[in-house]
Amino acid sequence: MKTLSQLLAIAAAFGLAPAVALAQAPAGTAPAAAAPAPAATSAPAAASPEAAPAAATAATPPAPPRTAPTAGMGQPVDGHMGLQEQVSPIGQEASWFHDVVLMPLITVISIFVLVLLAWVMFRYRKSANPTPSRNTHNTTLEIVWTLVPVLILVVIAVPSIRLLAHQYDPPQADLTVKVIGNQWYWEYEYPDHGVSLVSRMIPDDQVAATGEPRQLAVDERMVVPVGAVVKVIVTSNDVIHAWGVPAFWTKIDAVPGRLNETWFRADRPGVYYGVCYELCGAQHGYMPIAVEVVTQAQFEAWIASRNGNMPGRAAAPASAPAGPTVAAGEGTAATPAPSNTVAAIAAPATTNQSAPTN
């Protein structure tokens, strides 16, 4: 035994055996093997990679129910003459300009010209005037038919220029949506919300179950809140398309390599349809547009169902796992405190290393 103790002492000197156990072992006995340190109880178990997607899916709220379209609103109506009912300020102003200014003026001019032609054909026919008139000029008549068209153009120009100014001077946007045209479907991106989707037409054999109009229903709608100013940035990935919704009085070309901008503000909830208005290829007639206007609460629920976020609302920080409170300078069984640390507020030891020597 004495020889074995001497061998262990030599091994401890070279770091081959635990010196502390050797020092604490009584004389004439072999030191016990060092017990393994107990595992830390404060460290949380690592979550498996398979559990993360499942947890994220469980945390995602369900999407709100799709809004059913209203018959006669936001879509073509059989037998209807005139513009669709407008639900945006620009559309209402344009509808007023069309119905109150242009249509009456065009009607009056058309009736006047028709009556004038009929009177001239009857009054100055050959049988009633065997000898034609030799008059070639009438100063009064020439002044009248020059000034009257100018006054008509001025009357038209005032509301027309005002409408263009309102259309191309949008207010501060509440929401931005990027629209990308493809052959033959649309992509919608909400850059401020982290949401993107692809919108394709629902086939004819499936559209009957949705209750939506044929060749206008889509699987993914563009969703916007009611009363919000929506800035629409439009581009294309391949050829020229055109994005527009008649009920909003908006239409703009989607040009590859270029960003065009328009805006609208829908003041009535519902579903509003449009189509691609540019001949873009063989399936040009099969890339419809559907915009769903919902309340603010429904819009936020829709964004949450897409794993998006509302701007200005920071996500709740993940709570740290609870563990034992460790004071400065202390340690745990798994992580012992170092023995050579000095408190940050402790004054450094005074030395005379920089003192001059005699």
Protein backbone atom coordinates (compact mmCIF):
# COMPACT_ATOMS: atom_id res chain seq x y z
CA MET A 1 0.00 0.00 0.00
CA LYS A 2 2.84 2.33 0.74
CA THR A 3 4.26 1.73 -2.70
CA LEU A 4 0.84 2.39 -4.30
CA SER A 5 0.51 5.69 -2.42
CA GLN A 6 3.93 6.78 -3.65
CA LEU A 7 2.95 5.96 -7.26
CA LEU A 8 -0.23 8.01 -6.94
CA ALA A 9 1.76 10.92 -5.49
CA ILE A 10 4.07 10.86 -8.50
CA ALA A 11 1.09 10.70 -10.88
CA ALA A 12 -0.53 13.67 -9.14
CA ALA A 13 2.66 15.68 -9.53
CA PHE A 14 2.49 15.18 -13.31
CA GLY A 15 -1.26 15.96 -13.45
CA LEU A 16 -2.35 12.33 -13.95
CA ALA A 17 -4.43 12.10 -10.78
CA PRO A 18 -6.57 14.59 -8.79
CA ALA A 19 -4.22 16.28 -6.38
CA VAL A 20 -7.03 17.48 -4.14
CA ALA A 21 -8.31 13.95 -3.60
CA LEU A 22 -4.76 12.78 -2.87
CA ALA A 23 -4.25 15.53 -0.32
CA GLN A 24 -7.52 14.74 1.46
CA ALA A 25 -7.01 10.96 1.46
CA PRO A 26 -5.80 9.54 4.78
CA ALA A 27 -2.37 8.09 4.91
CA GLY A 28 -2.08 4.49 3.84
CA THR A 29 -5.35 4.50 1.79
CA ALA A 30 -5.97 4.93 -1.93
CA PRO A 31 -7.80 8.15 -2.91
CA ALA A 32 -11.37 7.69 -4.10
CA ALA A 33 -12.21 8.53 -7.71
CA ALA A 34 -13.49 12.08 -8.24
CA ALA A 35 -17.30 12.18 -8.34
CA PRO A 36 -18.77 13.75 -11.48
CA ALA A 37 -20.25 17.20 -11.01
CA PRO A 38 -24.05 17.24 -10.89
CA ALA A 39 -25.79 18.56 -13.96
CA ALA A 40 -27.07 22.13 -13.77
CA THR A 41 -30.76 22.28 -13.07
CA SER A 42 -31.25 25.86 -14.26
CA ALA A 43 -30.42 25.28 -17.96
CA PRO A 44 -33.61 24.61 -19.98
CA ALA A 45 -33.76 21.58 -22.19
CA ALA A 46 -33.05 22.39 -25.84
CA ALA A 47 -36.18 22.24 -27.96
CA SER A 48 -36.08 19.78 -30.82
CA PRO A 49 -36.06 21.24 -34.36
CA GLU A 50 -39.27 19.39 -35.14
CA ALA A 51 -41.13 21.05 -32.26
CA ALA A 52 -40.43 24.62 -33.45
CA PRO A 53 -42.63 24.60 -36.59
CA ALA A 54 -45.40 22.89 -34.68
CA ALA A 55 -45.30 25.57 -31.99
CA ALA A 56 -45.30 28.36 -34.59
CA THR A 57 -48.26 26.81 -36.37
CA ALA A 58 -50.19 26.45 -33.14
CA ALA A 59 -49.52 30.10 -32.26
CA THR A 60 -50.75 31.44 -35.64
CA PRO A 61 -54.36 32.64 -35.30
CA PRO A 62 -56.86 31.44 -37.91
CA ALA A 63 -57.70 33.68 -40.84
CA PRO A 64 -60.98 35.60 -40.60
CA PRO A 65 -63.80 34.37 -42.85
CA ARG A 66 -63.82 35.65 -46.41
CA THR A 67 -66.27 38.44 -47.16
CA ALA A 68 -69.08 37.42 -49.47
CA PRO A 69 -69.52 39.71 -52.50
CA THR A 70 -72.59 41.93 -52.72
CA ALA A 71 -74.65 41.52 -55.85
CA GLY A 72 -74.48 44.58 -58.06
CA MET A 73 -71.53 46.16 -56.22
CA GLY A 74 -67.92 46.00 -57.35
CA GLN A 75 -68.67 43.79 -60.34
CA PRO A 76 -70.36 43.95 -63.77
CA VAL A 77 -74.15 43.74 -63.73
CA ASP A 78 -76.18 42.35 -66.61
CA GLY A 79 -78.27 45.02 -68.28
CA HIS A 80 -76.68 47.89 -66.36
CA MET A 81 -75.76 51.02 -68.29
CA GLY A 82 -73.20 53.48 -67.00
CA LEU A 83 -70.35 53.36 -64.56
CA GLN A 84 -70.09 51.02 -61.60
CA GLU A 85 -71.07 52.47 -58.25
CA GLN A 86 -68.03 54.29 -56.92
CA VAL A 87 -66.80 53.72 -53.35
CA SER A 88 -63.73 55.99 -53.32
CA PRO A 89 -63.49 59.82 -53.18
CA ILE A 90 -61.73 59.98 -56.56
CA GLY A 91 -64.32 57.65 -58.07
CA GLN A 92 -67.21 59.71 -56.71
CA GLU A 93 -65.69 62.92 -58.08
CA ALA A 94 -65.08 61.30 -61.46
CA SER A 95 -68.59 59.86 -61.50
CA TRP A 96 -70.02 63.31 -60.78
CA PHE A 97 -67.92 64.82 -63.57
CA HIS A 98 -69.13 62.13 -65.98
CA ASP A 99 -72.81 62.22 -65.02
CA VAL A 100 -73.32 65.92 -64.31
CA VAL A 101 -70.93 67.65 -66.72
CA LEU A 102 -69.95 65.42 -69.61
CA MET A 103 -73.11 63.44 -70.31
CA PRO A 104 -75.52 66.45 -70.35
CA LEU A 105 -73.07 68.49 -72.41
CA ILE A 106 -72.52 65.70 -74.91
CA THR A 107 -76.26 65.11 -75.13
CA VAL A 108 -77.03 68.77 -75.81
CA ILE A 109 -74.30 69.05 -78.46
CA SER A 110 -75.39 65.83 -80.17
CA ILE A 111 -79.05 66.90 -80.28
CA PHE A 112 -78.13 70.38 -81.53
CA VAL A 113 -75.96 69.03 -84.35
CA LEU A 114 -78.63 66.48 -85.31
CA VAL A 115 -81.33 69.17 -85.45
CA LEU A 116 -79.03 71.50 -87.43
CA LEU A 117 -78.26 68.79 -89.97
CA ALA A 118 -81.93 67.91 -90.36
CA TRP A 119 -82.90 71.59 -90.82
CA VAL A 120 -80.17 72.21 -93.40
CA MET A 121 -81.08 69.07 -95.36
CA PHE A 122 -84.75 70.00 -95.41
CA ARG A 123 -84.52 73.78 -95.83
CA TYR A 124 -81.77 73.87 -98.41
CA ARG A 125 -82.65 70.83 -100.48
CA LYS A 126 -82.40 71.14 -104.23
CA SER A 127 -86.14 71.10 -104.87
CA ALA A 128 -86.70 74.01 -102.46
CA ASN A 129 -83.69 76.00 -103.72
CA PRO A 130 -83.19 75.51 -107.43
CA THR A 131 -80.85 78.52 -107.40
CA PRO A 132 -78.19 78.08 -104.68
CA SER A 133 -77.03 80.98 -102.51
CA ARG A 134 -73.79 82.77 -103.40
CA ASN A 135 -72.88 83.76 -99.83
CA THR A 136 -69.37 82.65 -98.79
CA HIS A 137 -68.80 84.43 -95.44
CA ASN A 138 -70.81 85.41 -92.39
CA THR A 139 -68.73 87.19 -89.79
CA THR A 140 -71.23 86.79 -86.96
CA LEU A 141 -71.69 83.09 -87.61
CA GLU A 142 -67.93 82.48 -87.79
CA ILE A 143 -67.36 84.23 -84.45
CA VAL A 144 -70.12 82.20 -82.83
CA TRP A 145 -68.89 78.80 -84.00
CA THR A 146 -65.38 79.70 -82.87
CA LEU A 147 -66.22 81.04 -79.40
CA VAL A 148 -68.82 78.45 -78.43
CA PRO A 149 -66.43 75.44 -78.68
CA VAL A 150 -63.81 77.40 -76.70
CA LEU A 151 -66.31 78.11 -73.93
CA ILE A 152 -67.35 74.46 -73.89
CA LEU A 153 -63.71 73.37 -73.50
CA VAL A 154 -63.23 75.84 -70.64
CA VAL A 155 -66.28 74.46 -68.86
CA ILE A 156 -64.92 70.94 -69.25
CA ALA A 157 -61.35 71.87 -68.31
CA VAL A 158 -62.09 73.25 -64.84
CA PRO A 159 -63.47 70.05 -63.22
CA SER A 160 -61.20 67.90 -65.37
CA ILE A 161 -58.01 69.56 -64.17
CA ARG A 162 -59.28 69.51 -60.59
CA LEU A 163 -59.93 65.77 -60.85
CA LEU A 164 -56.43 65.15 -62.26
CA ALA A 165 -54.89 67.24 -59.46
CA HIS A 166 -56.67 65.19 -56.81
CA GLN A 167 -55.82 61.92 -58.53
CA TYR A 168 -52.10 62.65 -58.81
CA ASP A 169 -51.66 64.39 -55.47
CA PRO A 170 -52.37 61.57 -53.02
CA PRO A 171 -52.64 62.13 -49.26
CA GLN A 172 -50.36 60.48 -46.72
CA ALA A 173 -50.57 56.72 -47.22
CA ASP A 174 -51.81 54.46 -44.42
CA LEU A 175 -50.87 51.27 -46.23
CA THR A 176 -48.51 50.33 -49.06
CA VAL A 177 -49.09 47.35 -51.32
CA LYS A 178 -46.74 46.29 -54.10
CA VAL A 179 -48.49 44.63 -57.05
CA ILE A 180 -46.48 42.50 -59.46
CA GLY A 181 -47.93 41.23 -62.73
CA ASN A 182 -46.94 37.85 -64.13
CA GLN A 183 -48.12 35.68 -66.99
CA TRP A 184 -50.80 35.07 -65.86
CA TYR A 185 -51.37 35.87 -62.20
CA TRP A 186 -50.77 38.64 -59.67
CA GLU A 187 -48.46 38.90 -56.68
CA TYR A 188 -49.19 41.16 -53.70
CA GLU A 189 -46.59 42.25 -51.17
CA TYR A 190 -47.16 44.23 -47.97
CA PRO A 191 -43.62 45.50 -47.24
CA ASP A 192 -44.56 47.17 -43.94
CA HIS A 193 -46.33 44.07 -42.65
CA GLY A 194 -44.08 41.23 -43.86
CA VAL A 195 -46.87 39.57 -45.87
CA SER A 196 -46.82 38.36 -49.49
CA LEU A 197 -49.23 36.22 -51.49
CA VAL A 198 -49.94 34.95 -55.00
CA SER A 199 -53.41 35.46 -56.49
CA ARG A 200 -54.74 33.16 -59.21
CA MET A 201 -58.16 32.76 -60.79
CA ILE A 202 -60.45 30.05 -59.39
CA PRO A 203 -61.34 27.54 -62.14
CA ASP A 204 -64.90 27.40 -63.43
CA ASP A 205 -65.56 23.98 -61.90
CA GLN A 206 -64.82 25.39 -58.42
CA VAL A 207 -66.18 28.93 -58.58
CA ALA A 208 -69.82 27.86 -58.16
CA ALA A 209 -69.14 26.79 -54.57
CA THR A 210 -67.75 30.24 -53.69
CA GLY A 211 -70.78 32.25 -54.83
CA GLU A 212 -68.54 34.68 -56.71
CA PRO A 213 -68.75 35.81 -60.33
CA ARG A 214 -67.18 33.54 -62.93
CA GLN A 215 -63.66 34.45 -64.13
CA LEU A 216 -63.41 37.16 -61.45
CA ALA A 217 -63.00 35.05 -58.30
CA VAL A 218 -59.45 34.42 -57.05
CA ASP A 219 -57.96 32.14 -54.43
CA GLU A 220 -56.05 34.95 -52.66
CA ARG A 221 -57.53 38.42 -52.43
CA MET A 222 -55.78 41.70 -51.82
CA VAL A 223 -57.08 42.76 -48.38
CA VAL A 224 -57.15 46.40 -47.22
CA PRO A 225 -58.88 48.19 -44.32
CA VAL A 226 -61.87 50.40 -44.98
CA GLY A 227 -61.17 54.12 -45.02
CA ALA A 228 -57.39 53.66 -45.33
CA VAL A 229 -55.35 55.49 -47.97
CA VAL A 230 -53.71 52.66 -49.91
CA LYS A 231 -50.63 53.40 -51.99
CA VAL A 232 -50.27 50.84 -54.78
CA ILE A 233 -46.85 50.35 -56.38
CA VAL A 234 -47.24 48.40 -59.61
CA THR A 235 -44.62 46.62 -61.73
CA SER A 236 -44.25 43.48 -63.84
CA ASN A 237 -41.89 40.53 -64.11
CA ASP A 238 -42.35 39.76 -67.80
CA VAL A 239 -44.60 41.82 -70.14
CA ILE A 240 -46.81 44.88 -69.76
CA HIS A 241 -49.92 44.26 -67.67
CA ALA A 242 -52.44 46.74 -66.25
CA TRP A 243 -53.90 46.65 -62.74
CA GLY A 244 -57.19 48.35 -62.01
CA VAL A 245 -60.49 48.22 -60.14
CA PRO A 246 -63.40 50.14 -61.74
CA ALA A 247 -65.23 50.75 -58.43
CA PHE A 248 -62.13 52.60 -57.12
CA TRP A 249 -61.61 54.56 -60.36
CA THR A 250 -58.05 53.33 -60.56
CA LYS A 251 -56.08 51.73 -63.39
CA ILE A 252 -52.35 51.80 -64.06
CA ASP A 253 -49.91 49.92 -66.26
CA ALA A 254 -47.51 47.34 -64.85
CA VAL A 255 -44.31 47.81 -66.83
CA PRO A 256 -41.23 45.56 -66.44
CA GLY A 257 -38.34 47.39 -64.81
CA ARG A 258 -40.47 50.35 -63.78
CA LEU A 259 -42.44 51.23 -60.64
CA ASN A 260 -45.73 53.02 -61.30
CA GLU A 261 -47.77 54.40 -58.42
CA THR A 262 -51.45 55.02 -57.82
CA TRP A 263 -53.73 55.17 -54.78
CA PHE A 264 -57.28 54.66 -53.63
CA ARG A 265 -59.39 54.85 -50.48
CA ALA A 266 -62.35 52.51 -50.26
CA ASP A 267 -65.03 53.88 -47.93
CA ARG A 268 -67.34 50.86 -47.99
CA PRO A 269 -66.54 47.27 -46.97
CA GLY A 270 -67.04 44.61 -49.60
CA VAL A 271 -65.37 42.75 -52.45
CA TYR A 272 -64.44 44.65 -55.60
CA TYR A 273 -63.25 43.06 -58.83
CA GLY A 274 -61.08 44.06 -61.75
CA VAL A 275 -59.08 42.46 -64.53
CA CYS A 276 -55.83 42.95 -66.40
CA TYR A 277 -56.50 45.81 -68.81
CA GLU A 278 -53.50 45.25 -71.10
CA LEU A 279 -53.27 42.54 -73.73
CA CYS A 280 -50.53 40.44 -72.14
CA GLY A 281 -50.66 37.08 -73.88
CA ALA A 282 -52.71 33.96 -74.44
CA GLN A 283 -54.28 33.91 -70.97
CA HIS A 284 -54.79 37.65 -70.70
CA GLY A 285 -58.46 37.15 -69.81
CA TYR A 286 -57.68 34.80 -66.92
CA MET A 287 -55.83 36.98 -64.42
CA PRO A 288 -58.60 38.79 -62.50
CA ILE A 289 -58.22 41.11 -59.52
CA ALA A 290 -60.18 40.91 -56.28
CA VAL A 291 -59.81 43.47 -53.49
CA GLU A 292 -61.48 42.74 -50.16
CA VAL A 293 -62.20 45.80 -48.02
CA VAL A 294 -62.65 44.93 -44.34
CA THR A 295 -62.69 46.65 -40.97
CA GLN A 296 -59.44 47.53 -39.22
CA ALA A 297 -59.89 44.71 -36.70
CA GLN A 298 -60.46 42.17 -39.49
CA PHE A 299 -57.43 43.47 -41.35
CA GLU A 300 -55.22 43.07 -38.29
CA ALA A 301 -56.55 39.55 -37.78
CA TRP A 302 -55.80 38.75 -41.43
CA ILE A 303 -52.25 40.08 -41.07
CA ALA A 304 -51.75 37.98 -37.94
CA SER A 305 -53.03 34.87 -39.72
CA ARG A 306 -50.31 35.44 -42.33
CA ASN A 307 -47.62 35.64 -39.63
CA GLY A 308 -47.24 39.34 -40.35
CA ASN A 309 -47.05 42.27 -37.96
CA MET A 310 -48.57 45.71 -37.72
CA PRO A 311 -46.08 48.59 -38.13
CA GLY A 312 -45.09 50.26 -34.89
CA ARG A 313 -46.09 47.30 -32.76
CA ALA A 314 -42.99 45.48 -31.57
CA ALA A 315 -43.31 41.78 -31.02
CA ALA A 316 -43.37 40.68 -27.39
CA PRO A 317 -39.84 39.64 -26.33
CA ALA A 318 -39.36 35.99 -25.51
CA SER A 319 -39.26 35.47 -21.76
CA ALA A 320 -36.01 34.07 -20.43
CA PRO A 321 -36.25 30.74 -18.59
CA ALA A 322 -36.45 31.11 -14.85
CA GLY A 323 -33.30 30.09 -13.00
CA PRO A 324 -31.60 30.58 -9.69
CA THR A 325 -30.36 34.05 -8.94
CA VAL A 326 -26.60 34.09 -8.68
CA ALA A 327 -24.90 36.91 -6.86
CA ALA A 328 -21.70 38.45 -8.12
CA GLY A 329 -18.72 36.33 -7.29
CA GLU A 330 -20.80 33.23 -6.66
CA GLY A 331 -21.28 30.20 -8.84
CA THR A 332 -23.30 27.07 -9.26
CA ALA A 333 -22.41 23.44 -9.11
CA ALA A 334 -22.11 23.36 -12.88
CA THR A 335 -20.22 26.64 -13.17
CA PRO A 336 -18.10 27.44 -10.14
CA ALA A 337 -17.05 31.01 -9.60
CA PRO A 338 -13.46 31.79 -10.55
CA SER A 339 -11.12 32.37 -7.68
CA ASN A 340 -9.16 35.25 -9.25
CA THR A 341 -12.00 37.77 -9.83
CA VAL A 342 -12.04 41.24 -8.30
CA ALA A 343 -15.16 43.30 -7.73
CA ALA A 344 -15.55 46.11 -10.25
CA ILE A 345 -16.02 48.71 -7.52
CA ALA A 346 -13.06 47.53 -5.49
CA ALA A 347 -10.20 50.00 -5.33
CA PRO A 348 -7.01 48.73 -6.96
CA ALA A 349 -4.17 47.80 -4.69
CA THR A 350 -1.65 50.55 -4.10
CA THR A 351 1.86 49.76 -5.33
CA ASN A 352 5.10 51.64 -5.54
CA GLN A 353 6.14 50.38 -8.96
CA SER A 354 6.16 53.89 -10.39
CA ALA A 355 7.82 55.47 -7.37
CA PRO A 356 11.28 56.83 -8.05
CA THR A 357 14.15 54.95 -6.58
CA ASN A 358 17.01 56.57 -4.77
